PDB file of N, CA and C in Angstrom:
ATOM      1  N   MET A   1       0.550  -1.188   0.080  1.00  0.00           N
ATOM      2  CA  MET A   1       0.081  -0.106   0.312  1.00  0.00           C
ATOM      3  C   MET A   1       0.690   1.087   0.037  1.00  0.00           C
ATOM      4  N   LYS A   2       0.930   2.241  -1.298  1.00  0.00           N
ATOM      5  CA  LYS A   2       1.597   3.545  -1.204  1.00  0.00           C
ATOM      6  C   LYS A   2       1.090   3.997   0.078  1.00  0.00           C
ATOM      7  N   LYS A   3       2.165   5.158   0.550  1.00  0.00           N
ATOM      8  CA  LYS A   3       1.130   5.945   1.513  1.00  0.00           C
ATOM      9  C   LYS A   3       0.713   7.560   0.709  1.00  0.00           C
ATOM     10  N   THR A   4      -0.231   8.366   1.512  1.00  0.00           N
ATOM     11  CA  THR A   4      -0.284   9.352   1.155  1.00  0.00           C
ATOM     12  C   THR A   4       0.352  10.330   1.670  1.00  0.00           C
ATOM     13  N   TYR A   5       0.582  11.178   1.011  1.00  0.00           N
ATOM     14  CA  TYR A   5       1.808  12.106   2.128  1.00  0.00           C
ATOM     15  C   TYR A   5       1.249  13.732   1.724  1.00  0.00           C
ATOM     16  N   TYR A   6       1.045  15.057   2.944  1.00  0.00           N
ATOM     17  CA  TYR A   6       0.387  15.687   2.506  1.00  0.00           C
ATOM     18  C   TYR A   6       1.902  16.506   3.352  1.00  0.00           C
ATOM     19  N   LYS A   7       2.153  18.124   2.990  1.00  0.00           N
ATOM     20  CA  LYS A   7       3.249  18.792   3.347  1.00  0.00           C
ATOM     21  C   LYS A   7       2.882  18.833   4.885  1.00  0.00           C
ATOM     22  N   MET A   8       3.880  19.402   5.472  1.00  0.00           N
ATOM     23  CA  MET A   8       3.753  19.553   6.482  1.00  0.00           C
ATOM     24  C   MET A   8       4.617  20.678   7.275  1.00  0.00           C
ATOM     25  N   ILE A   9       4.250  20.911   8.526  1.00  0.00           N
ATOM     26  CA  ILE A   9       5.399  21.941   9.160  1.00  0.00           C
ATOM     27  C   ILE A   9       5.638  20.975   9.913  1.00  0.00           C
ATOM     28  N   ILE A  10       7.402  20.834  10.169  1.00  0.00           N
ATOM     29  CA  ILE A  10       7.954  19.842  10.900  1.00  0.00           C
ATOM     30  C   ILE A  10       9.446  20.807  12.060  1.00  0.00           C
ATOM     31  N   ALA A  11       8.705  20.905  13.254  1.00  0.00           N
ATOM     32  CA  ALA A  11       9.452  22.139  14.257  1.00  0.00           C
ATOM     33  C   ALA A  11      11.014  20.854  14.532  1.00  0.00           C
ATOM     34  N   VAL A  12      11.855  21.088  14.432  1.00  0.00           N
ATOM     35  CA  VAL A  12      13.310  19.951  14.983  1.00  0.00           C
ATOM     36  C   VAL A  12      13.921  20.885  15.517  1.00  0.00           C
ATOM     37  N   ASP A  13      14.113  20.715  17.087  1.00  0.00           N
ATOM     38  CA  ASP A  13      15.198  20.670  18.046  1.00  0.00           C
ATOM     39  C   ASP A  13      16.669  20.547  17.413  1.00  0.00           C
ATOM     40  N   PHE A  14      17.671  21.240  17.879  1.00  0.00           N
ATOM     41  CA  PHE A  14      18.680  21.015  17.337  1.00  0.00           C
ATOM     42  C   PHE A  14      20.107  19.678  17.972  1.00  0.00           C
ATOM     43  N   ASP A  15      20.118  20.817  19.492  1.00  0.00           N
ATOM     44  CA  ASP A  15      20.878  19.844  20.625  1.00  0.00           C
ATOM     45  C   ASP A  15      20.087  18.701  21.087  1.00  0.00           C
ATOM     46  N   GLY A  16      21.151  17.515  20.812  1.00  0.00           N
ATOM     47  CA  GLY A  16      20.349  16.447  21.446  1.00  0.00           C
ATOM     48  C   GLY A  16      19.370  15.720  20.426  1.00  0.00           C
ATOM     49  N   THR A  17      19.126  16.065  19.376  1.00  0.00           N
ATOM     50  CA  THR A  17      17.940  15.668  18.289  1.00  0.00           C
ATOM     51  C   THR A  17      18.761  15.427  17.489  1.00  0.00           C
ATOM     52  N   ILE A  18      19.140  16.922  16.316  1.00  0.00           N
ATOM     53  CA  ILE A  18      19.965  16.769  15.345  1.00  0.00           C
ATOM     54  C   ILE A  18      21.862  16.559  15.293  1.00  0.00           C
ATOM     55  N   VAL A  19      21.786  16.754  16.371  1.00  0.00           N
ATOM     56  CA  VAL A  19      23.323  16.317  16.931  1.00  0.00           C
ATOM     57  C   VAL A  19      23.496  16.120  18.316  1.00  0.00           C
ATOM     58  N   GLU A  20      24.550  15.468  18.645  1.00  0.00           N
ATOM     59  CA  GLU A  20      24.589  14.924  20.301  1.00  0.00           C
ATOM     60  C   GLU A  20      24.494  15.770  21.137  1.00  0.00           C
ATOM     61  N   HIS A  21      23.819  16.297  21.841  1.00  0.00           N
ATOM     62  CA  HIS A  21      24.333  17.178  23.064  1.00  0.00           C
ATOM     63  C   HIS A  21      25.637  17.513  23.825  1.00  0.00           C
ATOM     64  N   LYS A  22      25.792  18.754  23.106  1.00  0.00           N
ATOM     65  CA  LYS A  22      27.238  19.258  24.165  1.00  0.00           C
ATOM     66  C   LYS A  22      26.761  20.600  24.186  1.00  0.00           C
ATOM     67  N   TYR A  23      25.594  20.987  23.872  1.00  0.00           N
ATOM     68  CA  TYR A  23      25.652  22.442  23.967  1.00  0.00           C
ATOM     69  C   TYR A  23      26.797  22.958  25.603  1.00  0.00           C
ATOM     70  N   PRO A  24      27.217  23.891  25.177  1.00  0.00           N
ATOM     71  CA  PRO A  24      27.238  24.975  24.456  1.00  0.00           C
ATOM     72  C   PRO A  24      27.823  24.783  22.800  1.00  0.00           C
ATOM     73  N   LYS A  25      28.847  23.797  23.208  1.00  0.00           N
ATOM     74  CA  LYS A  25      29.542  23.211  21.605  1.00  0.00           C
ATOM     75  C   LYS A  25      28.461  22.683  20.681  1.00  0.00           C
ATOM     76  N   ILE A  26      28.522  22.536  19.259  1.00  0.00           N
ATOM     77  CA  ILE A  26      28.025  21.533  18.269  1.00  0.00           C
ATOM     78  C   ILE A  26      28.184  20.129  18.648  1.00  0.00           C
ATOM     79  N   GLY A  27      27.396  18.924  18.887  1.00  0.00           N
ATOM     80  CA  GLY A  27      28.318  17.951  18.899  1.00  0.00           C
ATOM     81  C   GLY A  27      28.262  17.030  17.522  1.00  0.00           C
ATOM     82  N   LYS A  28      28.322  15.606  17.385  1.00  0.00           N
ATOM     83  CA  LYS A  28      28.591  14.859  16.555  1.00  0.00           C
ATOM     84  C   LYS A  28      27.385  15.419  15.600  1.00  0.00           C
ATOM     85  N   PRO A  29      26.781  14.925  14.232  1.00  0.00           N
ATOM     86  CA  PRO A  29      25.607  14.787  13.767  1.00  0.00           C
ATOM     87  C   PRO A  29      25.307  13.654  14.212  1.00  0.00           C
ATOM     88  N   LYS A  30      23.762  13.036  14.493  1.00  0.00           N
ATOM     89  CA  LYS A  30      23.466  11.921  14.882  1.00  0.00           C
ATOM     90  C   LYS A  30      22.942  11.185  14.047  1.00  0.00           C
ATOM     91  N   ARG A  31      23.463   9.773  13.732  1.00  0.00           N
ATOM     92  CA  ARG A  31      23.187   8.890  12.662  1.00  0.00           C
ATOM     93  C   ARG A  31      21.363   9.131  11.673  1.00  0.00           C
ATOM     94  N   PHE A  32      21.510   9.392  10.246  1.00  0.00           N
ATOM     95  CA  PHE A  32      20.586   9.528   9.451  1.00  0.00           C
ATOM     96  C   PHE A  32      19.580  10.937   9.796  1.00  0.00           C
ATOM     97  N   ALA A  33      20.152  11.736  10.595  1.00  0.00           N
ATOM     98  CA  ALA A  33      19.128  13.369  10.675  1.00  0.00           C
ATOM     99  C   ALA A  33      19.848  13.931   9.605  1.00  0.00           C
ATOM    100  N   PHE A  34      20.700  14.259   9.315  1.00  0.00           N
ATOM    101  CA  PHE A  34      20.703  15.188   7.849  1.00  0.00           C
ATOM    102  C   PHE A  34      19.912  14.510   6.309  1.00  0.00           C
ATOM    103  N   LYS A  35      20.253  13.235   6.650  1.00  0.00           N
ATOM    104  CA  LYS A  35      19.695  12.258   5.650  1.00  0.00           C
ATOM    105  C   LYS A  35      18.237  12.715   5.213  1.00  0.00           C
ATOM    106  N   THR A  36      17.417  12.377   6.688  1.00  0.00           N
ATOM    107  CA  THR A  36      16.222  12.766   7.092  1.00  0.00           C
ATOM    108  C   THR A  36      15.776  13.685   6.571  1.00  0.00           C
ATOM    109  N   LEU A  37      16.276  14.598   7.040  1.00  0.00           N
ATOM    110  CA  LEU A  37      15.598  16.314   6.849  1.00  0.00           C
ATOM    111  C   LEU A  37      16.083  16.537   5.914  1.00  0.00           C
ATOM    112  N   ARG A  38      16.830  16.500   4.753  1.00  0.00           N
ATOM    113  CA  ARG A  38      16.907  16.217   3.352  1.00  0.00           C
ATOM    114  C   ARG A  38      15.587  16.247   2.758  1.00  0.00           C
ATOM    115  N   GLU A  39      15.528  14.921   3.650  1.00  0.00           N
ATOM    116  CA  GLU A  39      14.358  14.028   2.403  1.00  0.00           C
ATOM    117  C   GLU A  39      13.109  14.450   2.312  1.00  0.00           C
ATOM    118  N   LEU A  40      13.084  15.165   3.559  1.00  0.00           N
ATOM    119  CA  LEU A  40      11.213  15.783   4.075  1.00  0.00           C
ATOM    120  C   LEU A  40      11.612  17.215   3.480  1.00  0.00           C
ATOM    121  N   GLN A  41      12.693  17.394   3.645  1.00  0.00           N
ATOM    122  CA  GLN A  41      12.819  19.008   2.837  1.00  0.00           C
ATOM    123  C   GLN A  41      12.745  18.797   0.963  1.00  0.00           C
ATOM    124  N   ARG A  42      12.967  17.492   0.210  1.00  0.00           N
ATOM    125  CA  ARG A  42      12.709  17.165  -1.195  1.00  0.00           C
ATOM    126  C   ARG A  42      11.607  16.549  -1.195  1.00  0.00           C
ATOM    127  N   ARG A  43      10.624  16.468  -0.373  1.00  0.00           N
ATOM    128  CA  ARG A  43       9.445  16.071  -0.386  1.00  0.00           C
ATOM    129  C   ARG A  43       8.388  17.327  -0.055  1.00  0.00           C
ATOM    130  N   GLY A  44       8.958  18.243   0.128  1.00  0.00           N
ATOM    131  CA  GLY A  44       8.367  19.603   0.181  1.00  0.00           C
ATOM    132  C   GLY A  44       7.746  20.413   1.408  1.00  0.00           C
ATOM    133  N   HIS A  45       8.165  18.966   2.534  1.00  0.00           N
ATOM    134  CA  HIS A  45       7.960  19.475   3.862  1.00  0.00           C
ATOM    135  C   HIS A  45       8.678  20.942   3.884  1.00  0.00           C
ATOM    136  N   LYS A  46       8.373  21.800   4.929  1.00  0.00           N
ATOM    137  CA  LYS A  46       8.838  23.031   5.765  1.00  0.00           C
ATOM    138  C   LYS A  46       9.275  22.617   7.251  1.00  0.00           C
ATOM    139  N   LEU A  47      10.591  22.741   7.048  1.00  0.00           N
ATOM    140  CA  LEU A  47      11.125  22.794   8.309  1.00  0.00           C
ATOM    141  C   LEU A  47      11.637  23.862   8.973  1.00  0.00           C
ATOM    142  N   ILE A  48      11.218  24.213  10.845  1.00  0.00           N
ATOM    143  CA  ILE A  48      11.403  25.063  11.464  1.00  0.00           C
ATOM    144  C   ILE A  48      12.347  24.315  11.987  1.00  0.00           C
ATOM    145  N   LEU A  49      13.625  25.189  12.715  1.00  0.00           N
ATOM    146  CA  LEU A  49      14.808  25.210  13.428  1.00  0.00           C
ATOM    147  C   LEU A  49      14.136  25.802  14.907  1.00  0.00           C
ATOM    148  N   TRP A  50      13.714  24.565  15.397  1.00  0.00           N
ATOM    149  CA  TRP A  50      13.080  25.500  17.264  1.00  0.00           C
ATOM    150  C   TRP A  50      14.402  24.930  18.105  1.00  0.00           C
ATOM    151  N   THR A  51      14.645  25.349  18.640  1.00  0.00           N
ATOM    152  CA  THR A  51      16.035  25.754  19.665  1.00  0.00           C
ATOM    153  C   THR A  51      15.838  26.608  20.371  1.00  0.00           C
ATOM    154  N   PHE A  52      16.849  25.952  21.831  1.00  0.00           N
ATOM    155  CA  PHE A  52      17.001  26.972  22.813  1.00  0.00           C
ATOM    156  C   PHE A  52      18.046  28.238  22.283  1.00  0.00           C
ATOM    157  N   ARG A  53      18.999  27.489  21.402  1.00  0.00           N
ATOM    158  CA  ARG A  53      20.101  28.596  20.705  1.00  0.00           C
ATOM    159  C   ARG A  53      19.365  29.835  20.852  1.00  0.00           C
ATOM    160  N   THR A  54      20.509  30.948  21.022  1.00  0.00           N
ATOM    161  CA  THR A  54      20.009  32.402  20.463  1.00  0.00           C
ATOM    162  C   THR A  54      21.265  32.498  19.973  1.00  0.00           C
ATOM    163  N   GLY A  55      21.377  34.047  19.222  1.00  0.00           N
ATOM    164  CA  GLY A  55      22.528  34.807  19.411  1.00  0.00           C
ATOM    165  C   GLY A  55      23.889  34.115  18.392  1.00  0.00           C
ATOM    166  N   LYS A  56      24.534  33.920  19.067  1.00  0.00           N
ATOM    167  CA  LYS A  56      25.678  33.205  18.186  1.00  0.00           C
ATOM    168  C   LYS A  56      25.938  32.508  17.973  1.00  0.00           C
ATOM    169  N   LEU A  57      25.543  31.633  19.187  1.00  0.00           N
ATOM    170  CA  LEU A  57      25.145  29.780  19.016  1.00  0.00           C
ATOM    171  C   LEU A  57      24.050  29.501  18.739  1.00  0.00           C
ATOM    172  N   LEU A  58      23.337  30.028  17.815  1.00  0.00           N
ATOM    173  CA  LEU A  58      21.997  29.914  17.180  1.00  0.00           C
ATOM    174  C   LEU A  58      22.785  30.212  15.896  1.00  0.00           C
ATOM    175  N   ASP A  59      23.417  31.450  14.979  1.00  0.00           N
ATOM    176  CA  ASP A  59      24.543  31.547  14.126  1.00  0.00           C
ATOM    177  C   ASP A  59      24.696  30.304  13.699  1.00  0.00           C
ATOM    178  N   GLU A  60      25.646  29.727  14.586  1.00  0.00           N
ATOM    179  CA  GLU A  60      26.916  28.030  14.412  1.00  0.00           C
ATOM    180  C   GLU A  60      25.641  27.200  14.248  1.00  0.00           C
ATOM    181  N   ALA A  61      24.568  27.285  15.010  1.00  0.00           N
ATOM    182  CA  ALA A  61      23.655  25.925  14.682  1.00  0.00           C
ATOM    183  C   ALA A  61      23.369  26.013  13.112  1.00  0.00           C
ATOM    184  N   VAL A  62      22.538  27.149  13.184  1.00  0.00           N
ATOM    185  CA  VAL A  62      22.074  27.031  11.444  1.00  0.00           C
ATOM    186  C   VAL A  62      22.992  26.913  10.367  1.00  0.00           C
ATOM    187  N   GLU A  63      24.685  27.495  10.171  1.00  0.00           N
ATOM    188  CA  GLU A  63      24.895  27.270   9.521  1.00  0.00           C
ATOM    189  C   GLU A  63      25.956  25.686   9.211  1.00  0.00           C
ATOM    190  N   PHE A  64      25.921  24.965  10.813  1.00  0.00           N
ATOM    191  CA  PHE A  64      26.394  23.652  10.484  1.00  0.00           C
ATOM    192  C   PHE A  64      25.161  23.167   9.856  1.00  0.00           C
ATOM    193  N   CYS A  65      24.020  23.187  10.142  1.00  0.00           N
ATOM    194  CA  CYS A  65      22.870  22.632   9.124  1.00  0.00           C
ATOM    195  C   CYS A  65      23.308  22.937   7.910  1.00  0.00           C
ATOM    196  N   ARG A  66      23.332  24.425   7.603  1.00  0.00           N
ATOM    197  CA  ARG A  66      23.280  24.370   6.029  1.00  0.00           C
ATOM    198  C   ARG A  66      24.378  24.034   5.545  1.00  0.00           C
ATOM    199  N   LYS A  67      25.497  23.682   6.295  1.00  0.00           N
ATOM    200  CA  LYS A  67      27.061  22.909   5.614  1.00  0.00           C
ATOM    201  C   LYS A  67      26.689  21.664   5.013  1.00  0.00           C
ATOM    202  N   ASN A  68      25.703  21.010   5.555  1.00  0.00           N
ATOM    203  CA  ASN A  68      24.763  19.632   5.912  1.00  0.00           C
ATOM    204  C   ASN A  68      23.796  19.751   5.090  1.00  0.00           C
ATOM    205  N   GLY A  69      23.650  20.527   4.201  1.00  0.00           N
ATOM    206  CA  GLY A  69      22.155  20.711   2.834  1.00  0.00           C
ATOM    207  C   GLY A  69      21.017  20.728   3.487  1.00  0.00           C
ATOM    208  N   VAL A  70      21.142  21.290   4.818  1.00  0.00           N
ATOM    209  CA  VAL A  70      19.737  21.744   5.647  1.00  0.00           C
ATOM    210  C   VAL A  70      19.454  23.416   5.163  1.00  0.00           C
ATOM    211  N   GLU A  71      18.472  23.882   4.817  1.00  0.00           N
ATOM    212  CA  GLU A  71      18.340  25.305   5.195  1.00  0.00           C
ATOM    213  C   GLU A  71      16.993  25.057   5.690  1.00  0.00           C
ATOM    214  N   PHE A  72      16.416  25.958   7.046  1.00  0.00           N
ATOM    215  CA  PHE A  72      15.657  26.191   7.237  1.00  0.00           C
ATOM    216  C   PHE A  72      14.421  26.623   6.906  1.00  0.00           C
ATOM    217  N   TRP A  73      12.906  26.559   6.873  1.00  0.00           N
ATOM    218  CA  TRP A  73      11.802  27.836   6.279  1.00  0.00           C
ATOM    219  C   TRP A  73      11.966  28.708   7.414  1.00  0.00           C
ATOM    220  N   ALA A  74      12.184  28.508   8.651  1.00  0.00           N
ATOM    221  CA  ALA A  74      12.030  29.631   9.684  1.00  0.00           C
ATOM    222  C   ALA A  74      13.151  28.679  10.421  1.00  0.00           C
ATOM    223  N   VAL A  75      13.627  29.795  11.663  1.00  0.00           N
ATOM    224  CA  VAL A  75      14.419  29.293  12.681  1.00  0.00           C
ATOM    225  C   VAL A  75      13.171  30.168  14.357  1.00  0.00           C
ATOM    226  N   ASN A  76      13.490  29.244  14.979  1.00  0.00           N
ATOM    227  CA  ASN A  76      13.017  30.008  16.035  1.00  0.00           C
ATOM    228  C   ASN A  76      11.355  30.889  15.719  1.00  0.00           C
ATOM    229  N   ALA A  77      10.778  30.305  14.680  1.00  0.00           N
ATOM    230  CA  ALA A  77       9.941  31.414  14.214  1.00  0.00           C
ATOM    231  C   ALA A  77       8.643  30.533  13.840  1.00  0.00           C
ATOM    232  N   ASN A  78       7.301  31.204  13.433  1.00  0.00           N
ATOM    233  CA  ASN A  78       6.087  30.421  13.234  1.00  0.00           C
ATOM    234  C   ASN A  78       6.845  29.988  11.550  1.00  0.00           C
ATOM    235  N   TYR A  79       7.252  31.400  10.919  1.00  0.00           N
ATOM    236  CA  TYR A  79       6.911  31.470   9.430  1.00  0.00           C
ATOM    237  C   TYR A  79       8.057  31.969   9.141  1.00  0.00           C
ATOM    238  N   PRO A  80       8.751  32.687   8.245  1.00  0.00           N
ATOM    239  CA  PRO A  80      10.121  33.230   7.405  1.00  0.00           C
ATOM    240  C   PRO A  80       9.706  35.062   7.847  1.00  0.00           C
ATOM    241  N   GLY A  81      10.608  35.179   8.410  1.00  0.00           N
ATOM    242  CA  GLY A  81      10.780  36.721   9.243  1.00  0.00           C
ATOM    243  C   GLY A  81       9.716  36.909  10.016  1.00  0.00           C
ATOM    244  N   GLU A  82       8.967  36.291  10.799  1.00  0.00           N
ATOM    245  CA  GLU A  82       8.514  36.634  11.923  1.00  0.00           C
ATOM    246  C   GLU A  82       9.075  37.160  13.111  1.00  0.00           C
ATOM    247  N   GLU A  83       8.372  38.415  13.619  1.00  0.00           N
ATOM    248  CA  GLU A  83       9.336  38.974  15.363  1.00  0.00           C
ATOM    249  C   GLU A  83       8.320  38.477  16.097  1.00  0.00           C
ATOM    250  N   PHE A  84       9.507  38.514  17.011  1.00  0.00           N
ATOM    251  CA  PHE A  84       8.574  38.034  18.442  1.00  0.00           C
ATOM    252  C   PHE A  84       8.120  38.905  19.190  1.00  0.00           C
ATOM    253  N   ASP A  85       6.430  39.092  19.271  1.00  0.00           N
ATOM    254  CA  ASP A  85       6.486  40.333  20.138  1.00  0.00           C
ATOM    255  C   ASP A  85       5.770  39.473  21.608  1.00  0.00           C
ATOM    256  N   PRO A  86       6.600  39.674  22.688  1.00  0.00           N
ATOM    257  CA  PRO A  86       5.794  38.874  23.938  1.00  0.00           C
ATOM    258  C   PRO A  86       3.821  39.276  23.871  1.00  0.00           C
ATOM    259  N   GLN A  87       3.655  40.318  23.151  1.00  0.00           N
ATOM    260  CA  GLN A  87       2.366  41.321  24.132  1.00  0.00           C
ATOM    261  C   GLN A  87       1.090  40.475  22.726  1.00  0.00           C
ATOM    262  N   THR A  88       2.156  39.694  21.446  1.00  0.00           N
ATOM    263  CA  THR A  88       1.441  39.188  20.704  1.00  0.00           C
ATOM    264  C   THR A  88       1.074  38.035  19.687  1.00  0.00           C
ATOM    265  N   SER A  89       2.124  37.144  20.486  1.00  0.00           N
ATOM    266  CA  SER A  89       2.781  36.123  19.763  1.00  0.00           C
ATOM    267  C   SER A  89       3.209  35.048  21.053  1.00  0.00           C
ATOM    268  N   SER A  90       2.938  34.068  20.657  1.00  0.00           N
ATOM    269  CA  SER A  90       3.002  32.485  21.553  1.00  0.00           C
ATOM    270  C   SER A  90       5.123  32.434  21.635  1.00  0.00           C
ATOM    271  N   ARG A  91       5.613  32.061  22.481  1.00  0.00           N
ATOM    272  CA  ARG A  91       6.905  31.341  22.031  1.00  0.00           C
ATOM    273  C   ARG A  91       6.888  29.696  21.716  1.00  0.00           C
ATOM    274  N   LYS A  92       5.462  29.210  21.506  1.00  0.00           N
ATOM    275  CA  LYS A  92       5.213  27.950  21.278  1.00  0.00           C
ATOM    276  C   LYS A  92       5.682  28.040  19.652  1.00  0.00           C
ATOM    277  N   ILE A  93       6.062  27.227  19.125  1.00  0.00           N
ATOM    278  CA  ILE A  93       5.969  27.049  17.425  1.00  0.00           C
ATOM    279  C   ILE A  93       4.730  26.361  16.948  1.00  0.00           C
ATOM    280  N   LEU A  94       4.114  26.520  15.741  1.00  0.00           N
ATOM    281  CA  LEU A  94       2.987  25.812  15.522  1.00  0.00           C
ATOM    282  C   LEU A  94       3.334  25.341  14.515  1.00  0.00           C
ATOM    283  N   ALA A  95       3.551  24.267  14.357  1.00  0.00           N
ATOM    284  CA  ALA A  95       3.843  23.256  13.719  1.00  0.00           C
ATOM    285  C   ALA A  95       3.007  21.635  13.518  1.00  0.00           C
ATOM    286  N   ASP A  96       2.920  20.569  12.651  1.00  0.00           N
ATOM    287  CA  ASP A  96       2.202  19.675  12.797  1.00  0.00           C
ATOM    288  C   ASP A  96       2.940  18.694  13.387  1.00  0.00           C
ATOM    289  N   VAL A  97       4.145  18.551  13.250  1.00  0.00           N
ATOM    290  CA  VAL A  97       5.311  17.346  14.022  1.00  0.00           C
ATOM    291  C   VAL A  97       6.240  18.299  14.788  1.00  0.00           C
ATOM    292  N   TYR A  98       6.817  17.619  15.903  1.00  0.00           N
ATOM    293  CA  TYR A  98       7.566  18.257  16.392  1.00  0.00           C
ATOM    294  C   TYR A  98       8.620  17.369  16.911  1.00  0.00           C
ATOM    295  N   ILE A  99       9.822  17.156  16.237  1.00  0.00           N
ATOM    296  CA  ILE A  99      10.707  15.751  16.664  1.00  0.00           C
ATOM    297  C   ILE A  99      11.880  16.674  17.696  1.00  0.00           C
ATOM    298  N   ASP A 100      12.058  15.853  18.778  1.00  0.00           N
ATOM    299  CA  ASP A 100      12.905  16.868  19.822  1.00  0.00           C
ATOM    300  C   ASP A 100      13.174  15.471  20.929  1.00  0.00           C
ATOM    301  N   ASP A 101      15.056  15.501  21.256  1.00  0.00           N
ATOM    302  CA  ASP A 101      15.091  14.858  21.947  1.00  0.00           C
ATOM    303  C   ASP A 101      14.861  14.736  23.381  1.00  0.00           C
ATOM    304  N   ARG A 102      13.460  15.818  23.524  1.00  0.00           N
ATOM    305  CA  ARG A 102      12.577  15.314  25.221  1.00  0.00           C
ATOM    306  C   ARG A 102      11.178  15.409  25.080  1.00  0.00           C
ATOM    307  N   ASN A 103      11.224  14.409  23.933  1.00  0.00           N
ATOM    308  CA  ASN A 103       9.703  14.159  23.751  1.00  0.00           C
ATOM    309  C   ASN A 103       9.665  13.217  25.131  1.00  0.00           C
ATOM    310  N   LEU A 104       8.066  12.774  25.400  1.00  0.00           N
ATOM    311  CA  LEU A 104       8.118  11.451  26.273  1.00  0.00           C
ATOM    312  C   LEU A 104       8.264  10.526  25.396  1.00  0.00           C
ATOM    313  N   GLY A 105       9.027   9.749  26.348  1.00  0.00           N
ATOM    314  CA  GLY A 105       9.863   8.583  25.775  1.00  0.00           C
ATOM    315  C   GLY A 105      10.743   8.444  25.475  1.00  0.00           C
ATOM    316  N   GLY A 106      11.329  10.364  25.366  1.00  0.00           N
ATOM    317  CA  GLY A 106      12.421  10.655  24.308  1.00  0.00           C
ATOM    318  C   GLY A 106      12.652  10.343  23.383  1.00  0.00           C
ATOM    319  N   PHE A 107      13.733  10.497  22.261  1.00  0.00           N
ATOM    320  CA  PHE A 107      14.203  10.789  21.270  1.00  0.00           C
ATOM    321  C   PHE A 107      14.217   8.946  20.427  1.00  0.00           C
ATOM    322  N   PRO A 108      13.321   9.125  19.618  1.00  0.00           N
ATOM    323  CA  PRO A 108      13.308   7.213  19.010  1.00  0.00           C
ATOM    324  C   PRO A 108      14.734   6.560  18.254  1.00  0.00           C
ATOM    325  N   GLY A 109      15.094   8.123  17.317  1.00  0.00           N
ATOM    326  CA  GLY A 109      16.370   7.818  16.805  1.00  0.00           C
ATOM    327  C   GLY A 109      15.676   8.390  15.288  1.00  0.00           C
ATOM    328  N   TRP A 110      17.061   8.559  14.396  1.00  0.00           N
ATOM    329  CA  TRP A 110      16.149   8.893  13.455  1.00  0.00           C
ATOM    330  C   TRP A 110      15.758   7.958  12.196  1.00  0.00           C
ATOM    331  N   GLY A 111      15.933   6.355  12.538  1.00  0.00           N
ATOM    332  CA  GLY A 111      15.611   5.913  11.626  1.00  0.00           C
ATOM    333  C   GLY A 111      14.109   5.186  11.935  1.00  0.00           C
ATOM    334  N   VAL A 112      13.675   5.593  13.007  1.00  0.00           N
ATOM    335  CA  VAL A 112      12.389   5.618  13.413  1.00  0.00           C
ATOM    336  C   VAL A 112      11.169   6.837  12.912  1.00  0.00           C
ATOM    337  N   VAL A 113      12.113   8.439  13.100  1.00  0.00           N
ATOM    338  CA  VAL A 113      11.670   9.225  12.458  1.00  0.00           C
ATOM    339  C   VAL A 113      11.028   8.827  11.109  1.00  0.00           C
ATOM    340  N   TRP A 114      12.036   8.090   9.879  1.00  0.00           N
ATOM    341  CA  TRP A 114      12.026   8.000   8.844  1.00  0.00           C
ATOM    342  C   TRP A 114      11.145   7.252   8.393  1.00  0.00           C
ATOM    343  N   GLN A 115      10.945   6.001   9.194  1.00  0.00           N
ATOM    344  CA  GLN A 115       9.857   5.187   9.007  1.00  0.00           C
ATOM    345  C   GLN A 115       8.393   5.933   9.251  1.00  0.00           C
ATOM    346  N   MET A 116       8.315   6.855  10.428  1.00  0.00           N
ATOM    347  CA  MET A 116       6.756   7.471  10.912  1.00  0.00           C
ATOM    348  C   MET A 116       6.410   8.338   9.720  1.00  0.00           C
ATOM    349  N   LEU A 117       7.453   8.777   9.382  1.00  0.00           N
ATOM    350  CA  LEU A 117       7.316  10.380   8.159  1.00  0.00           C
ATOM    351  C   LEU A 117       7.312   9.858   6.825  1.00  0.00           C
ATOM    352  N   ILE A 118       8.352   9.206   6.527  1.00  0.00           N
ATOM    353  CA  ILE A 118       8.647   8.851   4.902  1.00  0.00           C
ATOM    354  C   ILE A 118       8.281   7.371   4.821  1.00  0.00           C
ATOM    355  N   GLY A 119       8.498   5.961   5.640  1.00  0.00           N
ATOM    356  CA  GLY A 119       8.470   4.937   5.905  1.00  0.00           C
ATOM    357  C   GLY A 119       8.125   4.220   4.177  1.00  0.00           C
ATOM    358  N   ASP A 120       9.440   4.965   3.420  1.00  0.00           N
ATOM    359  CA  ASP A 120       9.575   4.052   2.335  1.00  0.00           C
ATOM    360  C   ASP A 120      11.248   3.381   1.807  1.00  0.00           C
TER     361      ASP A 120
END
């Protein structure tokens, strides 16, 4: 049976999810992380980098991902160019799926993420 896909907005954490948790340093990439993220993008899904990092540390994470072939649709924002205003916006990112090492049960690994979201 062939899966039917729709385009999703997927929020992805950085430390402990895309890379090993070495904050404030950047850890080694998790196995299959960039391959899975690139394939999700190739299939038209929008990726949001959703991380605690700010300033220089955030810039380093974004650049690290770019060098590994992943450029995010938005970074710590609901859409490109959104400016956070605590009076009118929520800190919660609006997404269809959240990929984070702090999920209930922990991060299942990128192989499981691949099977759940791509499945072929």
